[in-house]
Protein backbone atom coordinates (compact mmCIF):
# COMPACT_ATOMS: atom_id res chain seq x y z
CA UNK A 1 169.51 133.53 159.94
CA UNK A 2 166.72 135.31 158.05
CA UNK A 3 163.15 134.59 159.01
CA UNK A 4 160.77 132.99 156.51
CA UNK A 5 157.23 134.00 155.55
CA UNK A 6 154.94 131.78 153.47
CA UNK A 7 152.25 133.74 151.61
CA UNK A 8 149.37 132.08 149.76
CA UNK A 9 147.69 133.89 146.89
CA UNK A 10 150.82 135.97 146.34
CA UNK A 11 150.20 136.75 142.66
CA UNK A 12 148.20 139.95 143.25
CA UNK A 13 146.49 142.22 145.75
CA UNK A 14 147.11 141.76 149.47
CA UNK A 15 149.37 138.75 148.95
CA UNK A 16 151.65 140.59 146.56
CA UNK A 17 151.72 143.65 148.84
CA UNK A 18 152.71 141.41 151.77
CA UNK A 19 155.49 139.91 149.68
CA UNK A 20 156.97 143.35 149.05
CA UNK A 21 156.66 144.45 152.67
CA UNK A 22 158.13 141.28 154.20
CA UNK A 23 160.96 141.29 151.67
CA UNK A 24 161.66 144.90 152.64
CA UNK A 25 161.89 143.67 156.24
CA UNK A 26 164.45 141.06 155.10
CA UNK A 27 162.27 137.97 155.34
CA UNK A 28 162.99 135.17 152.92
CA UNK A 29 159.77 134.20 151.18
CA UNK A 30 157.80 131.21 149.97
CA UNK A 31 155.27 132.54 147.46
CA UNK A 32 152.38 130.34 146.37
CA UNK A 33 149.61 130.77 143.83
CA UNK A 34 148.16 129.42 140.61
CA UNK A 35 149.80 131.81 138.10
CA UNK A 36 153.41 130.69 138.00
CA UNK A 37 154.47 133.40 135.55
CA UNK A 38 153.42 136.08 138.04
CA UNK A 39 155.09 134.25 140.92
CA UNK A 40 158.38 133.96 139.07
CA UNK A 41 158.30 137.59 137.95
CA UNK A 42 157.59 138.75 141.51
CA UNK A 43 160.29 136.48 142.95
CA UNK A 44 162.90 137.89 140.59
CA UNK A 45 161.87 141.47 141.38
CA UNK A 46 162.03 140.94 145.15
CA UNK A 47 165.36 139.14 144.98
CA UNK A 48 166.86 141.97 142.95
CA UNK A 49 165.38 144.82 144.98
CA UNK A 50 165.75 143.47 148.51
CA UNK A 51 168.43 140.78 148.20
CA UNK A 52 166.25 138.11 149.83
CA UNK A 53 165.78 134.46 148.90
CA UNK A 54 162.43 133.62 147.33
CA UNK A 55 161.02 130.15 146.70
CA UNK A 56 158.06 129.77 144.33
CA UNK A 57 155.50 127.00 144.73
CA UNK A 58 152.67 126.77 142.18
CA UNK A 59 149.46 125.09 143.33
CA UNK A 60 145.76 125.64 143.78
CA UNK A 61 144.88 125.62 147.51
CA UNK A 62 141.63 123.81 146.63
CA UNK A 63 143.59 120.74 145.57
CA UNK A 64 144.66 118.82 148.68
CA UNK A 65 147.12 116.62 146.80
CA UNK A 66 148.78 119.62 145.10
CA UNK A 67 149.09 121.46 148.42
CA UNK A 68 150.62 118.49 150.19
CA UNK A 69 152.94 117.47 147.36
CA UNK A 70 154.32 120.95 146.74
CA UNK A 71 154.76 122.05 150.34
CA UNK A 72 156.31 118.78 151.49
CA UNK A 73 158.69 118.89 148.51
CA UNK A 74 160.28 122.08 149.82
CA UNK A 75 163.84 121.62 151.13
CA UNK A 76 164.17 121.31 154.91
CA UNK A 77 165.55 124.83 155.30
CA UNK A 78 162.33 126.28 153.88
CA UNK A 79 160.21 124.44 156.45
CA UNK A 80 161.45 126.76 159.22
CA UNK A 81 158.49 129.03 158.49
CA UNK A 82 158.09 131.87 160.99
CA UNK A 83 154.98 133.49 159.49
CA UNK A 84 152.16 131.94 157.46
CA UNK A 85 149.82 134.41 155.75
CA UNK A 86 146.67 132.57 154.68
CA UNK A 87 145.68 135.11 152.06
CA UNK A 88 144.29 132.99 149.20
CA UNK A 89 140.55 133.62 148.99
CA UNK A 90 137.82 134.91 146.71
CA UNK A 91 134.16 135.62 146.17
CA UNK A 92 132.10 134.44 143.22
CA UNK A 93 128.77 135.97 142.27
CA UNK A 94 126.33 138.10 144.23
CA UNK A 95 123.08 136.19 143.97
CA UNK A 96 120.29 135.42 146.46
CA UNK A 97 120.53 131.92 147.91
CA UNK A 98 117.71 130.54 145.73
CA UNK A 99 119.55 131.59 142.57
CA UNK A 100 123.04 130.64 143.68
CA UNK A 101 125.45 128.97 141.29
CA UNK A 102 126.56 125.64 142.76
CA UNK A 103 129.98 125.83 141.11
CA UNK A 104 130.49 129.26 142.68
CA UNK A 105 129.59 127.84 146.08
CA UNK A 106 132.09 125.01 145.69
CA UNK A 107 134.81 127.43 144.58
CA UNK A 108 134.33 129.71 147.58
CA UNK A 109 134.11 126.95 150.17
CA UNK A 110 136.98 124.97 148.67
CA UNK A 111 139.24 128.03 148.48
CA UNK A 112 138.33 130.08 151.54
CA UNK A 113 137.80 127.24 154.01
CA UNK A 114 139.26 123.95 152.83
CA UNK A 115 142.27 125.54 151.13
CA UNK A 116 143.13 127.46 154.28
CA UNK A 117 142.87 124.23 156.26
CA UNK A 118 145.07 122.21 153.89
CA UNK A 119 147.89 124.74 154.06
CA UNK A 120 147.51 125.42 157.78
CA UNK A 121 147.68 121.77 158.82
CA UNK A 122 151.03 121.26 157.13
CA UNK A 123 152.63 124.53 158.20
CA UNK A 124 151.25 124.37 161.75
CA UNK A 125 153.03 121.05 162.21
CA UNK A 126 156.28 122.59 160.97
CA UNK A 127 155.80 125.39 163.50
CA UNK A 128 155.15 122.90 166.29
CA UNK A 129 158.42 121.15 165.42
CA UNK A 130 160.18 124.52 165.35
CA UNK A 131 158.52 125.54 168.65
CA UNK A 132 157.48 128.94 167.25
CA UNK A 133 155.47 130.62 164.53
CA UNK A 134 152.69 133.04 163.68
CA UNK A 135 149.65 132.27 161.52
CA UNK A 136 147.78 135.21 159.97
CA UNK A 137 144.34 134.40 158.59
CA UNK A 138 142.83 136.92 156.17
CA UNK A 139 139.12 137.12 156.89
CA UNK A 140 136.69 139.86 155.92
CA UNK A 141 134.00 142.12 157.30
CA UNK A 142 131.86 139.40 155.67
CA UNK A 143 133.11 137.14 158.45
CA UNK A 144 131.59 139.45 161.05
CA UNK A 145 128.32 140.46 159.34
CA UNK A 146 126.03 138.91 156.74
CA UNK A 147 124.84 141.22 153.97
CA UNK A 148 122.16 140.74 151.28
CA UNK A 149 123.20 138.25 148.58
CA UNK A 150 126.46 137.56 150.42
CA UNK A 151 125.17 134.23 151.81
CA UNK A 152 127.83 131.61 150.94
CA UNK A 153 130.77 134.03 150.77
CA UNK A 154 129.80 135.39 154.19
CA UNK A 155 129.44 131.83 155.49
CA UNK A 156 132.92 130.95 154.25
CA UNK A 157 134.45 134.00 155.95
CA UNK A 158 132.50 133.32 159.16
CA UNK A 159 134.18 129.91 159.00
CA UNK A 160 137.58 131.61 158.78
CA UNK A 161 136.66 133.64 161.87
CA UNK A 162 135.75 130.46 163.75
CA UNK A 163 138.82 128.58 162.52
CA UNK A 164 141.04 131.44 163.64
CA UNK A 165 139.63 131.11 167.17
CA UNK A 166 139.99 127.34 167.04
CA UNK A 167 143.61 127.51 165.87
CA UNK A 168 144.38 129.96 168.65
CA UNK A 169 143.04 127.51 171.23
CA UNK A 170 144.73 124.47 169.72
CA UNK A 171 148.15 126.03 169.19
CA UNK A 172 148.55 128.25 172.26
CA UNK A 173 150.32 125.50 174.21
CA UNK A 174 152.92 125.28 171.43
CA UNK A 175 153.79 128.97 171.64
CA UNK A 176 152.34 129.67 168.19
CA UNK A 177 150.58 132.97 167.61
CA UNK A 178 147.35 133.09 165.59
CA UNK A 179 145.72 136.29 164.33
CA UNK A 180 142.93 137.27 161.95
CA UNK A 181 142.71 140.45 159.88
CA UNK A 182 139.24 141.32 158.62
CA UNK A 183 139.27 144.04 155.93
CA UNK A 184 136.35 146.06 154.66
CA UNK A 185 136.37 147.34 151.08
CA UNK A 186 139.84 146.88 149.54
CA UNK A 187 140.38 147.84 145.91
CA UNK A 188 142.15 144.80 144.44
CA UNK A 189 141.16 142.10 141.92
CA UNK A 190 138.49 141.01 144.44
CA UNK A 191 135.44 142.59 142.79
CA UNK A 192 136.65 141.76 139.30
CA UNK A 193 136.89 138.10 140.33
CA UNK A 194 133.50 138.26 142.05
CA UNK A 195 131.91 139.59 138.85
CA UNK A 196 133.90 137.20 136.64
CA UNK A 197 135.92 139.73 134.72
CA UNK A 198 133.28 142.47 134.43
CA UNK A 199 135.65 145.40 135.04
CA UNK A 200 132.98 148.09 134.74
CA UNK A 201 130.76 146.49 137.36
CA UNK A 202 133.77 145.89 139.60
CA UNK A 203 134.90 149.51 139.32
CA UNK A 204 131.51 150.80 140.49
CA UNK A 205 131.98 149.03 143.84
CA UNK A 206 134.61 151.64 144.74
CA UNK A 207 132.99 154.73 143.19
CA UNK A 208 132.55 157.82 145.36
CA UNK A 209 134.84 156.98 148.29
CA UNK A 210 138.43 156.09 149.10
CA UNK A 211 138.65 152.32 149.67
CA UNK A 212 141.49 150.56 151.36
CA UNK A 213 144.35 149.41 149.14
CA UNK A 214 146.43 146.27 149.42
CA UNK A 215 149.33 148.10 151.08
CA UNK A 216 147.04 149.20 153.93
CA UNK A 217 146.35 145.58 154.83
CA UNK A 218 149.98 144.52 154.36
CA UNK A 219 151.06 147.24 156.78
CA UNK A 220 148.41 146.11 159.26
CA UNK A 221 149.67 142.54 159.00
CA UNK A 222 153.23 143.74 159.58
CA UNK A 223 152.12 145.63 162.68
CA UNK A 224 150.54 142.45 164.07
CA UNK A 225 153.58 140.30 163.24
CA UNK A 226 156.09 142.80 164.61
CA UNK A 227 154.65 142.96 168.14
CA UNK A 228 156.87 141.70 170.99
CA UNK A 229 157.01 137.96 171.61
CA UNK A 230 154.57 138.15 174.55
CA UNK A 231 151.90 140.01 172.52
CA UNK A 232 149.33 138.36 170.24
CA UNK A 233 146.62 140.34 168.45
CA UNK A 234 143.82 137.81 168.13
CA UNK A 235 141.47 139.71 165.86
CA UNK A 236 141.37 143.00 163.96
CA UNK A 237 138.77 144.65 161.70
CA UNK A 238 140.15 147.29 159.30
CA UNK A 239 137.81 149.57 157.38
CA UNK A 240 138.03 152.57 155.06
CA UNK A 241 137.08 155.77 156.89
CA UNK A 242 134.00 156.03 154.66
CA UNK A 243 132.76 152.52 155.54
CA UNK A 244 130.92 152.01 158.84
CA UNK A 245 129.89 148.37 158.38
CA UNK A 246 129.50 145.81 155.61
CA UNK A 247 126.77 147.75 153.80
CA UNK A 248 127.08 151.35 155.00
CA UNK A 249 129.49 153.36 152.85
CA UNK A 250 129.39 157.14 152.56
CA UNK A 251 129.89 158.03 148.92
CA UNK A 252 130.55 161.77 148.74
């Protein structure tokens, strides 16, 4: 019987890259996100290319009722989830705390923290019933360091770091693995979302050096998931060679 991976935020970037990699490894997939057209297009492509089953579930992780309704509506066979990749997350704005946009704060906290919790609670209970599973939480270097004007985004990713440790403690007796991957600069939609569609400003973030790409993180996640049953990688920080910490990037 094929294993199942559930990936949140699968419509682009790291989530989409994970979908391709896990399909290549013959996992059946549950893909979630807000943009159903992208989900359905990706599902069709993966089914055709890799001959795997793909279920699509459209919801916004910020909406507790949507999360619960859509995940619980999945047929029983899809609740045998082996791997949960909590990838859905974003940053909004880059302002000092005194100038922060309250709607941006709500969006980041509701997505990065509460959304992760809503999905994890449901899937963790499935894993407990199944007596196995692996939860991968996508953090950030912003969850390890605070940088100027990062304030609330950094706080939300520090929360992911803490929640990852808490999940590990709470689920260890059930044989469930929990791991966090904390990327540095990854060239995806991230900066474009942060700057609300300003592509020129987003592009400048990656000028002068080779950033990570989504496939780099997907391959790292696969490495973590593919370890032997007795091995759990609790925590991993992955950076471009040119990036030493959150704010130090050598631009040649």
